[in-house]
């Protein structure tokens, strides 16, 4: 909805995309430092991560593989073009990293950002349930 609203306001006020993009570039610039701050939390949990190193590595590896296979199969099944597929592949990482990966693979940053937001929200809402089920 925010995207639709932003487009409507830009069209209504006749604001050129280039002017809008200047403000967007400021937000994009701030995503990288915000991502670095996440690393601080991981660093603070290094003892716990070291204790459960193997389960963490196996869980992350299975998650990555499942994500890539699922995206590939669903995109082929739905006959989605390669641009959309490239935009969806990095959906399970932070926005700043996902956008960089997507753009390097020929994807669209906006689609990638939406996919990251959906994946992150779904994961945050479902994580407590899955943690309880799988202990």
C-alpha atoms as a PDB file:
ATOM      1  CA  UNK A   1       0.000   0.000   0.000  1.00  0.00           C
ATOM      2  CA  UNK A   2       2.857   2.388   0.753  1.00  0.00           C
ATOM      3  CA  UNK A   3       4.179   2.016  -2.793  1.00  0.00           C
ATOM      4  CA  UNK A   4       0.781   2.726  -4.327  1.00  0.00           C
ATOM      5  CA  UNK A   5       0.373   5.756  -2.050  1.00  0.00           C
ATOM      6  CA  UNK A   6       3.845   7.061  -2.922  1.00  0.00           C
ATOM      7  CA  UNK A   7       3.183   6.711  -6.656  1.00  0.00           C
ATOM      8  CA  UNK A   8      -0.169   8.490  -6.292  1.00  0.00           C
ATOM      9  CA  UNK A   9       1.395  11.398  -4.374  1.00  0.00           C
ATOM     10  CA  UNK A  10       4.245  11.721  -6.890  1.00  0.00           C
ATOM     11  CA  UNK A  11       1.796  11.709  -9.810  1.00  0.00           C
ATOM     12  CA  UNK A  12      -0.650  14.083  -8.128  1.00  0.00           C
ATOM     13  CA  UNK A  13       2.028  16.602  -7.171  1.00  0.00           C
ATOM     14  CA  UNK A  14       3.922  16.084 -10.459  1.00  0.00           C
ATOM     15  CA  UNK A  15       7.162  15.308  -8.635  1.00  0.00           C
ATOM     16  CA  UNK A  16       9.709  13.783 -11.028  1.00  0.00           C
ATOM     17  CA  UNK A  17      11.094  10.391 -10.119  1.00  0.00           C
ATOM     18  CA  UNK A  18      14.639  11.792 -10.148  1.00  0.00           C
ATOM     19  CA  UNK A  19      13.734  14.169  -7.293  1.00  0.00           C
ATOM     20  CA  UNK A  20      12.064  11.352  -5.371  1.00  0.00           C
ATOM     21  CA  UNK A  21      15.087   9.104  -5.911  1.00  0.00           C
ATOM     22  CA  UNK A  22      17.399  11.623  -4.201  1.00  0.00           C
ATOM     23  CA  UNK A  23      15.526  11.056  -0.927  1.00  0.00           C
ATOM     24  CA  UNK A  24      15.435   7.312  -1.545  1.00  0.00           C
ATOM     25  CA  UNK A  25      19.188   7.265  -2.003  1.00  0.00           C
ATOM     26  CA  UNK A  26      19.590   8.711   1.493  1.00  0.00           C
ATOM     27  CA  UNK A  27      17.529   5.839   2.933  1.00  0.00           C
ATOM     28  CA  UNK A  28      19.467   3.292   0.865  1.00  0.00           C
ATOM     29  CA  UNK A  29      22.747   4.758   2.135  1.00  0.00           C
ATOM     30  CA  UNK A  30      21.585   4.276   5.734  1.00  0.00           C
ATOM     31  CA  UNK A  31      20.681   0.600   5.173  1.00  0.00           C
ATOM     32  CA  UNK A  32      24.327  -0.492   5.159  1.00  0.00           C
ATOM     33  CA  UNK A  33      25.140   0.936   8.626  1.00  0.00           C
ATOM     34  CA  UNK A  34      21.877  -0.498   9.966  1.00  0.00           C
ATOM     35  CA  UNK A  35      22.953  -3.903   8.671  1.00  0.00           C
ATOM     36  CA  UNK A  36      26.332  -3.534  10.394  1.00  0.00           C
ATOM     37  CA  UNK A  37      24.544  -2.889  13.689  1.00  0.00           C
ATOM     38  CA  UNK A  38      22.915  -6.328  13.341  1.00  0.00           C
ATOM     39  CA  UNK A  39      26.397  -7.838  13.336  1.00  0.00           C
ATOM     40  CA  UNK A  40      26.974  -6.399  16.806  1.00  0.00           C
ATOM     41  CA  UNK A  41      24.114  -8.492  18.193  1.00  0.00           C
ATOM     42  CA  UNK A  42      25.535 -11.609  16.557  1.00  0.00           C
ATOM     43  CA  UNK A  43      28.948 -10.793  18.002  1.00  0.00           C
ATOM     44  CA  UNK A  44      27.424 -10.457  21.480  1.00  0.00           C
ATOM     45  CA  UNK A  45      25.908 -13.925  21.111  1.00  0.00           C
ATOM     46  CA  UNK A  46      29.134 -15.579  19.892  1.00  0.00           C
ATOM     47  CA  UNK A  47      29.448 -17.925  22.895  1.00  0.00           C
ATOM     48  CA  UNK A  48      25.935 -19.263  22.409  1.00  0.00           C
ATOM     49  CA  UNK A  49      26.494 -19.565  18.660  1.00  0.00           C
ATOM     50  CA  UNK A  50      29.778 -21.391  19.307  1.00  0.00           C
ATOM     51  CA  UNK A  51      28.031 -23.831  21.622  1.00  0.00           C
ATOM     52  CA  UNK A  52      25.426 -24.639  18.964  1.00  0.00           C
ATOM     53  CA  UNK A  53      27.671 -24.135  15.939  1.00  0.00           C
ATOM     54  CA  UNK A  54      26.793 -27.326  14.050  1.00  0.00           C
ATOM     55  CA  UNK A  55      22.996 -27.035  14.433  1.00  0.00           C
ATOM     56  CA  UNK A  56      23.166 -23.368  13.393  1.00  0.00           C
ATOM     57  CA  UNK A  57      25.270 -24.119  10.303  1.00  0.00           C
ATOM     58  CA  UNK A  58      23.121 -27.096   9.294  1.00  0.00           C
ATOM     59  CA  UNK A  59      19.893 -25.171   9.890  1.00  0.00           C
ATOM     60  CA  UNK A  60      21.072 -22.173   7.888  1.00  0.00           C
ATOM     61  CA  UNK A  61      22.353 -24.381   5.052  1.00  0.00           C
ATOM     62  CA  UNK A  62      19.092 -26.327   4.826  1.00  0.00           C
ATOM     63  CA  UNK A  63      17.153 -23.045   4.929  1.00  0.00           C
ATOM     64  CA  UNK A  64      19.197 -21.513   2.103  1.00  0.00           C
ATOM     65  CA  UNK A  65      18.941 -24.628  -0.043  1.00  0.00           C
ATOM     66  CA  UNK A  66      15.188 -24.932   0.566  1.00  0.00           C
ATOM     67  CA  UNK A  67      14.668 -21.266  -0.280  1.00  0.00           C
ATOM     68  CA  UNK A  68      16.647 -21.416  -3.527  1.00  0.00           C
ATOM     69  CA  UNK A  69      15.021 -24.667  -4.695  1.00  0.00           C
ATOM     70  CA  UNK A  70      11.533 -23.427  -3.807  1.00  0.00           C
ATOM     71  CA  UNK A  71      12.000 -20.110  -5.612  1.00  0.00           C
ATOM     72  CA  UNK A  72      13.457 -21.826  -8.671  1.00  0.00           C
ATOM     73  CA  UNK A  73      10.669 -24.420  -8.884  1.00  0.00           C
ATOM     74  CA  UNK A  74       7.834 -21.958  -8.256  1.00  0.00           C
ATOM     75  CA  UNK A  75       9.195 -19.461 -10.785  1.00  0.00           C
ATOM     76  CA  UNK A  76       9.539 -22.214 -13.414  1.00  0.00           C
ATOM     77  CA  UNK A  77       6.075 -23.578 -12.595  1.00  0.00           C
ATOM     78  CA  UNK A  78       4.528 -20.121 -12.953  1.00  0.00           C
ATOM     79  CA  UNK A  79       6.628 -19.256 -16.031  1.00  0.00           C
ATOM     80  CA  UNK A  80       8.070 -16.170 -14.316  1.00  0.00           C
ATOM     81  CA  UNK A  81      10.828 -14.378 -16.204  1.00  0.00           C
ATOM     82  CA  UNK A  82      14.434 -14.369 -15.054  1.00  0.00           C
ATOM     83  CA  UNK A  83      14.289 -10.766 -13.789  1.00  0.00           C
ATOM     84  CA  UNK A  84      11.616 -11.653 -11.232  1.00  0.00           C
ATOM     85  CA  UNK A  85      13.461 -14.826 -10.284  1.00  0.00           C
ATOM     86  CA  UNK A  86      16.692 -12.862  -9.735  1.00  0.00           C
ATOM     87  CA  UNK A  87      14.712 -10.371  -7.634  1.00  0.00           C
ATOM     88  CA  UNK A  88      13.307 -13.109  -5.389  1.00  0.00           C
ATOM     89  CA  UNK A  89      16.460 -15.172  -4.797  1.00  0.00           C
ATOM     90  CA  UNK A  90      17.986 -12.979  -2.034  1.00  0.00           C
ATOM     91  CA  UNK A  91      14.725 -12.553  -0.086  1.00  0.00           C
ATOM     92  CA  UNK A  92      16.056 -14.099   3.113  1.00  0.00           C
ATOM     93  CA  UNK A  93      18.868 -11.678   3.899  1.00  0.00           C
ATOM     94  CA  UNK A  94      18.877  -8.051   5.045  1.00  0.00           C
ATOM     95  CA  UNK A  95      17.459  -5.467   2.657  1.00  0.00           C
ATOM     96  CA  UNK A  96      20.783  -3.771   1.909  1.00  0.00           C
ATOM     97  CA  UNK A  97      22.506  -7.043   1.043  1.00  0.00           C
ATOM     98  CA  UNK A  98      19.466  -8.405  -0.839  1.00  0.00           C
ATOM     99  CA  UNK A  99      19.219  -5.312  -3.052  1.00  0.00           C
ATOM    100  CA  UNK A 100      22.924  -5.484  -3.912  1.00  0.00           C
ATOM    101  CA  UNK A 101      22.666  -9.202  -4.784  1.00  0.00           C
ATOM    102  CA  UNK A 102      19.489  -8.662  -6.777  1.00  0.00           C
ATOM    103  CA  UNK A 103      20.888  -5.783  -8.808  1.00  0.00           C
ATOM    104  CA  UNK A 104      24.100  -7.739  -9.537  1.00  0.00           C
ATOM    105  CA  UNK A 105      21.996 -10.619 -10.874  1.00  0.00           C
ATOM    106  CA  UNK A 106      19.769  -8.330 -12.992  1.00  0.00           C
ATOM    107  CA  UNK A 107      16.859  -8.144 -10.544  1.00  0.00           C
ATOM    108  CA  UNK A 108      14.633  -5.226  -9.574  1.00  0.00           C
ATOM    109  CA  UNK A 109      15.405  -3.584  -6.230  1.00  0.00           C
ATOM    110  CA  UNK A 110      11.756  -2.761  -5.477  1.00  0.00           C
ATOM    111  CA  UNK A 111      10.615  -6.349  -5.930  1.00  0.00           C
ATOM    112  CA  UNK A 112      13.506  -7.592  -3.837  1.00  0.00           C
ATOM    113  CA  UNK A 113      12.710  -5.124  -1.055  1.00  0.00           C
ATOM    114  CA  UNK A 114       9.069  -6.238  -1.011  1.00  0.00           C
ATOM    115  CA  UNK A 115      10.135  -9.906  -0.921  1.00  0.00           C
ATOM    116  CA  UNK A 116      12.526  -9.229   1.975  1.00  0.00           C
ATOM    117  CA  UNK A 117       9.792  -7.423   3.923  1.00  0.00           C
ATOM    118  CA  UNK A 118       7.300 -10.236   3.361  1.00  0.00           C
ATOM    119  CA  UNK A 119       9.841 -12.942   4.235  1.00  0.00           C
ATOM    120  CA  UNK A 120      11.008 -11.057   7.328  1.00  0.00           C
ATOM    121  CA  UNK A 121       7.506 -10.399   8.606  1.00  0.00           C
ATOM    122  CA  UNK A 122       6.404 -13.972   7.965  1.00  0.00           C
ATOM    123  CA  UNK A 123       9.526 -15.295   9.671  1.00  0.00           C
ATOM    124  CA  UNK A 124       9.129 -13.022  12.676  1.00  0.00           C
ATOM    125  CA  UNK A 125       5.495 -14.026  13.114  1.00  0.00           C
ATOM    126  CA  UNK A 126       6.105 -17.744  12.535  1.00  0.00           C
ATOM    127  CA  UNK A 127       9.399 -18.148  14.427  1.00  0.00           C
ATOM    128  CA  UNK A 128       7.878 -18.561  17.911  1.00  0.00           C
ATOM    129  CA  UNK A 129       5.542 -21.285  16.648  1.00  0.00           C
ATOM    130  CA  UNK A 130       8.319 -23.135  14.812  1.00  0.00           C
ATOM    131  CA  UNK A 131      10.668 -22.815  17.797  1.00  0.00           C
ATOM    132  CA  UNK A 132       8.015 -24.350  19.993  1.00  0.00           C
ATOM    133  CA  UNK A 133       7.251 -27.175  17.547  1.00  0.00           C
ATOM    134  CA  UNK A 134      10.862 -28.057  16.710  1.00  0.00           C
ATOM    135  CA  UNK A 135      12.392 -27.095  20.078  1.00  0.00           C
END
